[in-house]
Amino acid sequence: MSLSTTVVLEIAALILFVLAATGLSYKKVDLLAAGLGLFVLTFLIPELSHITFSMLVLALSVIAFAATGAGWRYRKLNGIAISLALWMVSLLLGPFFHIP
C-alpha cells in the first residue's frame, strides 16, 4: 500500500476533525477550518495539470480556509462560511467554464 499526497492530506484532515470534535484547541488556530482546508486541497492537487476558472476559485477557497484556520478574522465575517461558499461556487462553475 502506497500513500499518495492526497491520502496523507485526507488523514491529516481527519485527525484535525477529530481534534476539533473533542474540543481541543491551540491558541487562535481553528482546527475545523484547518481540516476543511486540507480536505479541499485534496481536490485541488490532482487538478493542477489543467487550470480552469473553477480550480482558481477552489484555490481561493483553500487560501480562505488557511487564513481562517490560522486565526485571521475580519470584523464579523465568518471565514468558514466564506470558504464553503467559494467551494460551492467552484463546483457550480466547473461545467460552465472549462478552458481546454
PDB file of N, CA and C in Angstrom:
ATOM      1  N   MET A   1       0.838  -1.173   0.000  1.00  0.00           N
ATOM      2  CA  MET A   1       0.000   0.000   0.000  1.00  0.00           C
ATOM      3  C   MET A   1       0.892   1.249   0.000  1.00  0.00           C
ATOM      4  N   SER A   2       0.680   2.089  -0.971  1.00  0.00           N
ATOM      5  CA  SER A   2       1.451   3.327  -1.025  1.00  0.00           C
ATOM      6  C   SER A   2       0.532   4.500  -0.694  1.00  0.00           C
ATOM      7  N   LEU A   3       1.082   5.444   0.030  1.00  0.00           N
ATOM      8  CA  LEU A   3       0.313   6.613   0.422  1.00  0.00           C
ATOM      9  C   LEU A   3       0.625   7.763  -0.526  1.00  0.00           C
ATOM     10  N   SER A   4      -0.387   8.222  -1.220  1.00  0.00           N
ATOM     11  CA  SER A   4      -0.205   9.377  -2.088  1.00  0.00           C
ATOM     12  C   SER A   4      -0.363  10.649  -1.266  1.00  0.00           C
ATOM     13  N   THR A   5      -0.071  11.756  -1.886  1.00  0.00           N
ATOM     14  CA  THR A   5      -0.179  13.040  -1.204  1.00  0.00           C
ATOM     15  C   THR A   5      -1.605  13.315  -0.765  1.00  0.00           C
ATOM     16  N   THR A   6      -2.565  12.988  -1.623  1.00  0.00           N
ATOM     17  CA  THR A   6      -3.956  13.253  -1.275  1.00  0.00           C
ATOM     18  C   THR A   6      -4.412  12.394  -0.101  1.00  0.00           C
ATOM     19  N   VAL A   7      -3.954  11.147  -0.025  1.00  0.00           N
ATOM     20  CA  VAL A   7      -4.335  10.280   1.089  1.00  0.00           C
ATOM     21  C   VAL A   7      -3.746  10.810   2.397  1.00  0.00           C
ATOM     22  N   VAL A   8      -2.506  11.265   2.359  1.00  0.00           N
ATOM     23  CA  VAL A   8      -1.874  11.818   3.558  1.00  0.00           C
ATOM     24  C   VAL A   8      -2.626  13.068   4.016  1.00  0.00           C
ATOM     25  N   LEU A   9      -3.017  13.927   3.065  1.00  0.00           N
ATOM     26  CA  LEU A   9      -3.777  15.126   3.421  1.00  0.00           C
ATOM     27  C   LEU A   9      -5.145  14.776   3.997  1.00  0.00           C
ATOM     28  N   GLU A  10      -5.796  13.750   3.439  1.00  0.00           N
ATOM     29  CA  GLU A  10      -7.100  13.329   3.968  1.00  0.00           C
ATOM     30  C   GLU A  10      -6.965  12.775   5.388  1.00  0.00           C
ATOM     31  N   ILE A  11      -5.899  12.034   5.657  1.00  0.00           N
ATOM     32  CA  ILE A  11      -5.677  11.512   7.005  1.00  0.00           C
ATOM     33  C   ILE A  11      -5.411  12.663   7.977  1.00  0.00           C
ATOM     34  N   ALA A  12      -4.611  13.642   7.550  1.00  0.00           N
ATOM     35  CA  ALA A  12      -4.339  14.801   8.403  1.00  0.00           C
ATOM     36  C   ALA A  12      -5.624  15.588   8.670  1.00  0.00           C
ATOM     37  N   ALA A  13      -6.475  15.728   7.636  1.00  0.00           N
ATOM     38  CA  ALA A  13      -7.753  16.417   7.816  1.00  0.00           C
ATOM     39  C   ALA A  13      -8.637  15.659   8.798  1.00  0.00           C
ATOM     40  N   LEU A  14      -8.660  14.340   8.701  1.00  0.00           N
ATOM     41  CA  LEU A  14      -9.453  13.533   9.624  1.00  0.00           C
ATOM     42  C   LEU A  14      -8.969  13.706  11.061  1.00  0.00           C
ATOM     43  N   ILE A  15      -7.660  13.741  11.253  1.00  0.00           N
ATOM     44  CA  ILE A  15      -7.112  13.948  12.595  1.00  0.00           C
ATOM     45  C   ILE A  15      -7.528  15.321  13.129  1.00  0.00           C
ATOM     46  N   LEU A  16      -7.466  16.343  12.283  1.00  0.00           N
ATOM     47  CA  LEU A  16      -7.882  17.678  12.718  1.00  0.00           C
ATOM     48  C   LEU A  16      -9.373  17.722  13.036  1.00  0.00           C
ATOM     49  N   PHE A  17     -10.194  17.016  12.259  1.00  0.00           N
ATOM     50  CA  PHE A  17     -11.629  16.957  12.541  1.00  0.00           C
ATOM     51  C   PHE A  17     -11.896  16.297  13.892  1.00  0.00           C
ATOM     52  N   VAL A  18     -11.193  15.216  14.175  1.00  0.00           N
ATOM     53  CA  VAL A  18     -11.383  14.523  15.451  1.00  0.00           C
ATOM     54  C   VAL A  18     -10.939  15.416  16.610  1.00  0.00           C
ATOM     55  N   LEU A  19      -9.810  16.099  16.455  1.00  0.00           N
ATOM     56  CA  LEU A  19      -9.347  17.001  17.498  1.00  0.00           C
ATOM     57  C   LEU A  19     -10.325  18.153  17.719  1.00  0.00           C
ATOM     58  N   ALA A  20     -10.878  18.679  16.629  1.00  0.00           N
ATOM     59  CA  ALA A  20     -11.862  19.761  16.753  1.00  0.00           C
ATOM     60  C   ALA A  20     -13.146  19.257  17.407  1.00  0.00           C
ATOM     61  N   ALA A  21     -13.541  18.028  17.100  1.00  0.00           N
ATOM     62  CA  ALA A  21     -14.763  17.467  17.675  1.00  0.00           C
ATOM     63  C   ALA A  21     -14.622  17.221  19.172  1.00  0.00           C
ATOM     64  N   THR A  22     -13.419  16.935  19.623  1.00  0.00           N
ATOM     65  CA  THR A  22     -13.211  16.712  21.052  1.00  0.00           C
ATOM     66  C   THR A  22     -13.088  18.019  21.827  1.00  0.00           C
ATOM     67  N   GLY A  23     -13.045  19.137  21.122  1.00  0.00           N
ATOM     68  CA  GLY A  23     -12.976  20.431  21.784  1.00  0.00           C
ATOM     69  C   GLY A  23     -11.569  20.920  22.042  1.00  0.00           C
ATOM     70  N   LEU A  24     -10.586  20.218  21.525  1.00  0.00           N
ATOM     71  CA  LEU A  24      -9.197  20.626  21.697  1.00  0.00           C
ATOM     72  C   LEU A  24      -8.931  21.882  20.871  1.00  0.00           C
ATOM     73  N   SER A  25      -8.159  22.787  21.412  1.00  0.00           N
ATOM     74  CA  SER A  25      -7.815  23.995  20.667  1.00  0.00           C
ATOM     75  C   SER A  25      -6.365  24.360  20.953  1.00  0.00           C
ATOM     76  N   TYR A  26      -5.807  25.147  20.065  1.00  0.00           N
ATOM     77  CA  TYR A  26      -4.430  25.599  20.218  1.00  0.00           C
ATOM     78  C   TYR A  26      -4.361  27.071  19.841  1.00  0.00           C
ATOM     79  N   LYS A  27      -4.168  27.912  20.822  1.00  0.00           N
ATOM     80  CA  LYS A  27      -4.097  29.364  20.652  1.00  0.00           C
ATOM     81  C   LYS A  27      -5.278  29.864  19.837  1.00  0.00           C
ATOM     82  N   LYS A  28      -5.033  30.561  18.721  1.00  0.00           N
ATOM     83  CA  LYS A  28      -6.122  31.090  17.898  1.00  0.00           C
ATOM     84  C   LYS A  28      -6.423  30.208  16.683  1.00  0.00           C
ATOM     85  N   VAL A  29      -5.825  29.037  16.620  1.00  0.00           N
ATOM     86  CA  VAL A  29      -5.989  28.162  15.461  1.00  0.00           C
ATOM     87  C   VAL A  29      -7.373  27.526  15.489  1.00  0.00           C
ATOM     88  N   ASP A  30      -8.073  27.613  14.367  1.00  0.00           N
ATOM     89  CA  ASP A  30      -9.373  26.958  14.213  1.00  0.00           C
ATOM     90  C   ASP A  30      -9.131  25.609  13.544  1.00  0.00           C
ATOM     91  N   LEU A  31      -9.201  24.529  14.314  1.00  0.00           N
ATOM     92  CA  LEU A  31      -8.878  23.207  13.784  1.00  0.00           C
ATOM     93  C   LEU A  31      -9.869  22.743  12.732  1.00  0.00           C
ATOM     94  N   LEU A  32     -11.131  23.145  12.870  1.00  0.00           N
ATOM     95  CA  LEU A  32     -12.133  22.770  11.873  1.00  0.00           C
ATOM     96  C   LEU A  32     -11.801  23.396  10.514  1.00  0.00           C
ATOM     97  N   ALA A  33     -11.469  24.673  10.512  1.00  0.00           N
ATOM     98  CA  ALA A  33     -11.121  25.350   9.260  1.00  0.00           C
ATOM     99  C   ALA A  33      -9.843  24.772   8.664  1.00  0.00           C
ATOM    100  N   ALA A  34      -8.881  24.440   9.503  1.00  0.00           N
ATOM    101  CA  ALA A  34      -7.642  23.845   9.000  1.00  0.00           C
ATOM    102  C   ALA A  34      -7.914  22.478   8.377  1.00  0.00           C
ATOM    103  N   GLY A  35      -8.761  21.677   9.010  1.00  0.00           N
ATOM    104  CA  GLY A  35      -9.128  20.372   8.454  1.00  0.00           C
ATOM    105  C   GLY A  35      -9.876  20.505   7.141  1.00  0.00           C
ATOM    106  N   LEU A  36     -10.804  21.456   7.077  1.00  0.00           N
ATOM    107  CA  LEU A  36     -11.534  21.683   5.825  1.00  0.00           C
ATOM    108  C   LEU A  36     -10.598  22.168   4.724  1.00  0.00           C
ATOM    109  N   GLY A  37      -9.629  22.998   5.083  1.00  0.00           N
ATOM    110  CA  GLY A  37      -8.652  23.458   4.098  1.00  0.00           C
ATOM    111  C   GLY A  37      -7.840  22.317   3.523  1.00  0.00           C
ATOM    112  N   LEU A  38      -7.401  21.399   4.380  1.00  0.00           N
ATOM    113  CA  LEU A  38      -6.662  20.231   3.889  1.00  0.00           C
ATOM    114  C   LEU A  38      -7.543  19.341   3.031  1.00  0.00           C
ATOM    115  N   PHE A  39      -8.804  19.201   3.435  1.00  0.00           N
ATOM    116  CA  PHE A  39      -9.717  18.358   2.666  1.00  0.00           C
ATOM    117  C   PHE A  39      -9.968  18.935   1.277  1.00  0.00           C
ATOM    118  N   VAL A  40     -10.176  20.234   1.186  1.00  0.00           N
ATOM    119  CA  VAL A  40     -10.389  20.873  -0.118  1.00  0.00           C
ATOM    120  C   VAL A  40      -9.115  20.803  -0.958  1.00  0.00           C
ATOM    121  N   LEU A  41      -7.968  20.890  -0.307  1.00  0.00           N
ATOM    122  CA  LEU A  41      -6.692  20.792  -1.024  1.00  0.00           C
ATOM    123  C   LEU A  41      -6.538  19.438  -1.706  1.00  0.00           C
ATOM    124  N   THR A  42      -7.147  18.392  -1.142  1.00  0.00           N
ATOM    125  CA  THR A  42      -7.068  17.076  -1.785  1.00  0.00           C
ATOM    126  C   THR A  42      -7.802  17.059  -3.121  1.00  0.00           C
ATOM    127  N   PHE A  43      -8.780  17.940  -3.310  1.00  0.00           N
ATOM    128  CA  PHE A  43      -9.460  18.046  -4.601  1.00  0.00           C
ATOM    129  C   PHE A  43      -8.659  18.885  -5.584  1.00  0.00           C
ATOM    130  N   LEU A  44      -7.879  19.818  -5.058  1.00  0.00           N
ATOM    131  CA  LEU A  44      -7.132  20.741  -5.914  1.00  0.00           C
ATOM    132  C   LEU A  44      -5.859  20.117  -6.470  1.00  0.00           C
ATOM    133  N   ILE A  45      -5.168  19.319  -5.700  1.00  0.00           N
ATOM    134  CA  ILE A  45      -3.869  18.778  -6.110  1.00  0.00           C
ATOM    135  C   ILE A  45      -3.946  17.933  -7.385  1.00  0.00           C
ATOM    136  N   PRO A  46      -4.892  16.987  -7.529  1.00  0.00           N
ATOM    137  CA  PRO A  46      -4.910  16.205  -8.775  1.00  0.00           C
ATOM    138  C   PRO A  46      -5.250  17.024 -10.022  1.00  0.00           C
ATOM    139  N   GLU A  47      -5.867  18.191  -9.838  1.00  0.00           N
ATOM    140  CA  GLU A  47      -6.290  19.000 -10.978  1.00  0.00           C
ATOM    141  C   GLU A  47      -5.272  20.068 -11.368  1.00  0.00           C
ATOM    142  N   LEU A  48      -4.095  20.045 -10.781  1.00  0.00           N
ATOM    143  CA  LEU A  48      -3.105  21.082 -11.074  1.00  0.00           C
ATOM    144  C   LEU A  48      -2.546  21.006 -12.487  1.00  0.00           C
ATOM    145  N   SER A  49      -2.725  19.876 -13.147  1.00  0.00           N
ATOM    146  CA  SER A  49      -2.188  19.739 -14.505  1.00  0.00           C
ATOM    147  C   SER A  49      -2.973  20.572 -15.513  1.00  0.00           C
ATOM    148  N   HIS A  50      -4.242  20.837 -15.243  1.00  0.00           N
ATOM    149  CA  HIS A  50      -5.017  21.700 -16.131  1.00  0.00           C
ATOM    150  C   HIS A  50      -5.801  22.697 -15.274  1.00  0.00           C
ATOM    151  N   ILE A  51      -5.413  23.950 -15.408  1.00  0.00           N
ATOM    152  CA  ILE A  51      -6.001  25.021 -14.614  1.00  0.00           C
ATOM    153  C   ILE A  51      -7.262  25.525 -15.300  1.00  0.00           C
ATOM    154  N   THR A  52      -8.340  25.586 -14.547  1.00  0.00           N
ATOM    155  CA  THR A  52      -9.598  26.141 -15.032  1.00  0.00           C
ATOM    156  C   THR A  52     -10.025  27.254 -14.084  1.00  0.00           C
ATOM    157  N   PHE A  53     -11.056  27.970 -14.484  1.00  0.00           N
ATOM    158  CA  PHE A  53     -11.586  29.030 -13.625  1.00  0.00           C
ATOM    159  C   PHE A  53     -12.109  28.430 -12.324  1.00  0.00           C
ATOM    160  N   SER A  54     -12.703  27.261 -12.422  1.00  0.00           N
ATOM    161  CA  SER A  54     -13.208  26.564 -11.241  1.00  0.00           C
ATOM    162  C   SER A  54     -12.076  26.228 -10.270  1.00  0.00           C
ATOM    163  N   MET A  55     -10.939  25.819 -10.799  1.00  0.00           N
ATOM    164  CA  MET A  55      -9.801  25.485  -9.945  1.00  0.00           C
ATOM    165  C   MET A  55      -9.217  26.739  -9.279  1.00  0.00           C
ATOM    166  N   LEU A  56      -9.263  27.871  -9.973  1.00  0.00           N
ATOM    167  CA  LEU A  56      -8.793  29.115  -9.373  1.00  0.00           C
ATOM    168  C   LEU A  56      -9.676  29.525  -8.196  1.00  0.00           C
ATOM    169  N   VAL A  57     -10.998  29.364  -8.354  1.00  0.00           N
ATOM    170  CA  VAL A  57     -11.911  29.668  -7.250  1.00  0.00           C
ATOM    171  C   VAL A  57     -11.694  28.679  -6.107  1.00  0.00           C
ATOM    172  N   LEU A  58     -11.423  27.425  -6.438  1.00  0.00           N
ATOM    173  CA  LEU A  58     -11.134  26.428  -5.401  1.00  0.00           C
ATOM    174  C   LEU A  58      -9.841  26.776  -4.658  1.00  0.00           C
ATOM    175  N   ALA A  59      -8.852  27.292  -5.378  1.00  0.00           N
ATOM    176  CA  ALA A  59      -7.611  27.726  -4.729  1.00  0.00           C
ATOM    177  C   ALA A  59      -7.879  28.894  -3.781  1.00  0.00           C
ATOM    178  N   LEU A  60      -8.777  29.805  -4.177  1.00  0.00           N
ATOM    179  CA  LEU A  60      -9.169  30.890  -3.276  1.00  0.00           C
ATOM    180  C   LEU A  60      -9.837  30.341  -2.023  1.00  0.00           C
ATOM    181  N   SER A  61     -10.618  29.293  -2.192  1.00  0.00           N
ATOM    182  CA  SER A  61     -11.269  28.655  -1.049  1.00  0.00           C
ATOM    183  C   SER A  61     -10.229  28.071  -0.094  1.00  0.00           C
ATOM    184  N   VAL A  62      -9.211  27.420  -0.628  1.00  0.00           N
ATOM    185  CA  VAL A  62      -8.146  26.856   0.209  1.00  0.00           C
ATOM    186  C   VAL A  62      -7.418  27.969   0.954  1.00  0.00           C
ATOM    187  N   ILE A  63      -7.147  29.077   0.276  1.00  0.00           N
ATOM    188  CA  ILE A  63      -6.477  30.210   0.920  1.00  0.00           C
ATOM    189  C   ILE A  63      -7.352  30.781   2.036  1.00  0.00           C
ATOM    190  N   ALA A  64      -8.650  30.885   1.785  1.00  0.00           N
ATOM    191  CA  ALA A  64      -9.557  31.407   2.811  1.00  0.00           C
ATOM    192  C   ALA A  64      -9.647  30.453   4.001  1.00  0.00           C
ATOM    193  N   PHE A  65      -9.675  29.131   3.733  1.00  0.00           N
ATOM    194  CA  PHE A  65      -9.669  28.161   4.828  1.00  0.00           C
ATOM    195  C   PHE A  65      -8.375  28.266   5.635  1.00  0.00           C
ATOM    196  N   ALA A  66      -7.254  28.430   4.943  1.00  0.00           N
ATOM    197  CA  ALA A  66      -5.969  28.526   5.636  1.00  0.00           C
ATOM    198  C   ALA A  66      -5.910  29.783   6.501  1.00  0.00           C
ATOM    199  N   ALA A  67      -6.413  30.893   5.980  1.00  0.00           N
ATOM    200  CA  ALA A  67      -6.408  32.137   6.755  1.00  0.00           C
ATOM    201  C   ALA A  67      -7.313  32.018   7.975  1.00  0.00           C
ATOM    202  N   THR A  68      -8.471  31.407   7.790  1.00  0.00           N
ATOM    203  CA  THR A  68      -9.389  31.209   8.912  1.00  0.00           C
ATOM    204  C   THR A  68      -8.795  30.235   9.920  1.00  0.00           C
ATOM    205  N   GLY A  69      -8.166  29.187   9.420  1.00  0.00           N
ATOM    206  CA  GLY A  69      -7.550  28.214  10.314  1.00  0.00           C
ATOM    207  C   GLY A  69      -6.411  28.803  11.125  1.00  0.00           C
ATOM    208  N   ALA A  70      -5.728  29.790  10.565  1.00  0.00           N
ATOM    209  CA  ALA A  70      -4.617  30.424  11.269  1.00  0.00           C
ATOM    210  C   ALA A  70      -5.086  31.466  12.275  1.00  0.00           C
ATOM    211  N   GLY A  71      -6.392  31.692  12.323  1.00  0.00           N
ATOM    212  CA  GLY A  71      -6.923  32.626  13.303  1.00  0.00           C
ATOM    213  C   GLY A  71      -7.221  34.006  12.762  1.00  0.00           C
ATOM    214  N   TRP A  72      -7.170  34.204  11.456  1.00  0.00           N
ATOM    215  CA  TRP A  72      -7.446  35.514  10.875  1.00  0.00           C
ATOM    216  C   TRP A  72      -8.939  35.797  10.945  1.00  0.00           C
ATOM    217  N   ARG A  73      -9.282  36.982  11.380  1.00  0.00           N
ATOM    218  CA  ARG A  73     -10.678  37.407  11.465  1.00  0.00           C
ATOM    219  C   ARG A  73     -10.798  38.783  10.826  1.00  0.00           C
ATOM    220  N   TYR A  74     -11.946  39.036  10.202  1.00  0.00           N
ATOM    221  CA  TYR A  74     -12.225  40.359   9.672  1.00  0.00           C
ATOM    222  C   TYR A  74     -13.621  40.769  10.104  1.00  0.00           C
ATOM    223  N   ARG A  75     -13.658  41.665  11.040  1.00  0.00           N
ATOM    224  CA  ARG A  75     -14.891  42.162  11.632  1.00  0.00           C
ATOM    225  C   ARG A  75     -15.798  41.018  12.053  1.00  0.00           C
ATOM    226  N   LYS A  76     -17.003  40.947  11.543  1.00  0.00           N
ATOM    227  CA  LYS A  76     -17.927  39.891  11.963  1.00  0.00           C
ATOM    228  C   LYS A  76     -18.147  38.844  10.869  1.00  0.00           C
ATOM    229  N   LEU A  77     -17.267  38.814   9.877  1.00  0.00           N
ATOM    230  CA  LEU A  77     -17.409  37.840   8.803  1.00  0.00           C
ATOM    231  C   LEU A  77     -16.973  36.464   9.271  1.00  0.00           C
ATOM    232  N   ASN A  78     -17.710  35.449   8.861  1.00  0.00           N
ATOM    233  CA  ASN A  78     -17.393  34.071   9.209  1.00  0.00           C
ATOM    234  C   ASN A  78     -16.531  33.480   8.098  1.00  0.00           C
ATOM    235  N   GLY A  79     -15.265  33.222   8.401  1.00  0.00           N
ATOM    236  CA  GLY A  79     -14.320  32.731   7.398  1.00  0.00           C
ATOM    237  C   GLY A  79     -14.673  31.357   6.865  1.00  0.00           C
ATOM    238  N   ILE A  80     -15.213  30.491   7.717  1.00  0.00           N
ATOM    239  CA  ILE A  80     -15.585  29.153   7.250  1.00  0.00           C
ATOM    240  C   ILE A  80     -16.739  29.249   6.258  1.00  0.00           C
ATOM    241  N   ALA A  81     -17.712  30.108   6.527  1.00  0.00           N
ATOM    242  CA  ALA A  81     -18.843  30.268   5.610  1.00  0.00           C
ATOM    243  C   ALA A  81     -18.397  30.828   4.263  1.00  0.00           C
ATOM    244  N   ILE A  82     -17.475  31.783   4.282  1.00  0.00           N
ATOM    245  CA  ILE A  82     -16.952  32.349   3.036  1.00  0.00           C
ATOM    246  C   ILE A  82     -16.204  31.281   2.239  1.00  0.00           C
ATOM    247  N   SER A  83     -15.397  30.492   2.926  1.00  0.00           N
ATOM    248  CA  SER A  83     -14.624  29.449   2.257  1.00  0.00           C
ATOM    249  C   SER A  83     -15.530  28.380   1.666  1.00  0.00           C
ATOM    250  N   LEU A  84     -16.561  27.986   2.426  1.00  0.00           N
ATOM    251  CA  LEU A  84     -17.516  26.997   1.900  1.00  0.00           C
ATOM    252  C   LEU A  84     -18.277  27.546   0.704  1.00  0.00           C
ATOM    253  N   ALA A  85     -18.628  28.831   0.744  1.00  0.00           N
ATOM    254  CA  ALA A  85     -19.315  29.438  -0.397  1.00  0.00           C
ATOM    255  C   ALA A  85     -18.419  29.430  -1.640  1.00  0.00           C
ATOM    256  N   LEU A  86     -17.136  29.737  -1.465  1.00  0.00           N
ATOM    257  CA  LEU A  86     -16.207  29.685  -2.602  1.00  0.00           C
ATOM    258  C   LEU A  86     -16.086  28.261  -3.142  1.00  0.00           C
ATOM    259  N   TRP A  87     -16.078  27.277  -2.254  1.00  0.00           N
ATOM    260  CA  TRP A  87     -16.006  25.881  -2.672  1.00  0.00           C
ATOM    261  C   TRP A  87     -17.236  25.517  -3.505  1.00  0.00           C
ATOM    262  N   MET A  88     -18.420  25.922  -3.056  1.00  0.00           N
ATOM    263  CA  MET A  88     -19.644  25.627  -3.796  1.00  0.00           C
ATOM    264  C   MET A  88     -19.665  26.343  -5.147  1.00  0.00           C
ATOM    265  N   VAL A  89     -19.175  27.572  -5.189  1.00  0.00           N
ATOM    266  CA  VAL A  89     -19.095  28.302  -6.459  1.00  0.00           C
ATOM    267  C   VAL A  89     -18.178  27.567  -7.423  1.00  0.00           C
ATOM    268  N   SER A  90     -17.066  27.038  -6.927  1.00  0.00           N
ATOM    269  CA  SER A  90     -16.143  26.309  -7.811  1.00  0.00           C
ATOM    270  C   SER A  90     -16.806  25.039  -8.349  1.00  0.00           C
ATOM    271  N   LEU A  91     -17.637  24.399  -7.529  1.00  0.00           N
ATOM    272  CA  LEU A  91     -18.342  23.209  -8.011  1.00  0.00           C
ATOM    273  C   LEU A  91     -19.396  23.561  -9.045  1.00  0.00           C
ATOM    274  N   LEU A  92     -20.079  24.680  -8.851  1.00  0.00           N
ATOM    275  CA  LEU A  92     -21.121  25.083  -9.787  1.00  0.00           C
ATOM    276  C   LEU A  92     -20.553  25.610 -11.095  1.00  0.00           C
ATOM    277  N   LEU A  93     -19.399  26.263 -11.053  1.00  0.00           N
ATOM    278  CA  LEU A  93     -18.814  26.843 -12.256  1.00  0.00           C
ATOM    279  C   LEU A  93     -18.024  25.839 -13.080  1.00  0.00           C
ATOM    280  N   GLY A  94     -17.707  24.709 -12.504  1.00  0.00           N
ATOM    281  CA  GLY A  94     -16.897  23.711 -13.189  1.00  0.00           C
ATOM    282  C   GLY A  94     -17.388  23.341 -14.582  1.00  0.00           C
ATOM    283  N   PRO A  95     -18.646  22.956 -14.748  1.00  0.00           N
ATOM    284  CA  PRO A  95     -19.115  22.565 -16.076  1.00  0.00           C
ATOM    285  C   PRO A  95     -19.229  23.724 -17.056  1.00  0.00           C
ATOM    286  N   PHE A  96     -19.351  24.959 -16.571  1.00  0.00           N
ATOM    287  CA  PHE A  96     -19.600  26.081 -17.458  1.00  0.00           C
ATOM    288  C   PHE A  96     -18.348  26.771 -17.966  1.00  0.00           C
ATOM    289  N   PHE A  97     -17.273  26.749 -17.195  1.00  0.00           N
ATOM    290  CA  PHE A  97     -16.065  27.488 -17.567  1.00  0.00           C
ATOM    291  C   PHE A  97     -14.874  26.581 -17.734  1.00  0.00           C
ATOM    292  N   HIS A  98     -15.015  25.537 -18.495  1.00  0.00           N
ATOM    293  CA  HIS A  98     -13.897  24.630 -18.736  1.00  0.00           C
ATOM    294  C   HIS A  98     -13.054  25.186 -19.877  1.00  0.00           C
ATOM    295  N   ILE A  99     -11.789  25.504 -19.570  1.00  0.00           N
ATOM    296  CA  ILE A  99     -10.880  26.058 -20.568  1.00  0.00           C
ATOM    297  C   ILE A  99      -9.952  24.929 -21.005  1.00  0.00           C
ATOM    298  N   PRO A 100     -10.015  24.539 -22.283  1.00  0.00           N
ATOM    299  CA  PRO A 100      -9.170  23.417 -22.729  1.00  0.00           C
ATOM    300  C   PRO A 100      -7.709  23.782 -22.810  1.00  0.00           C
TER     301      PRO A 100
END
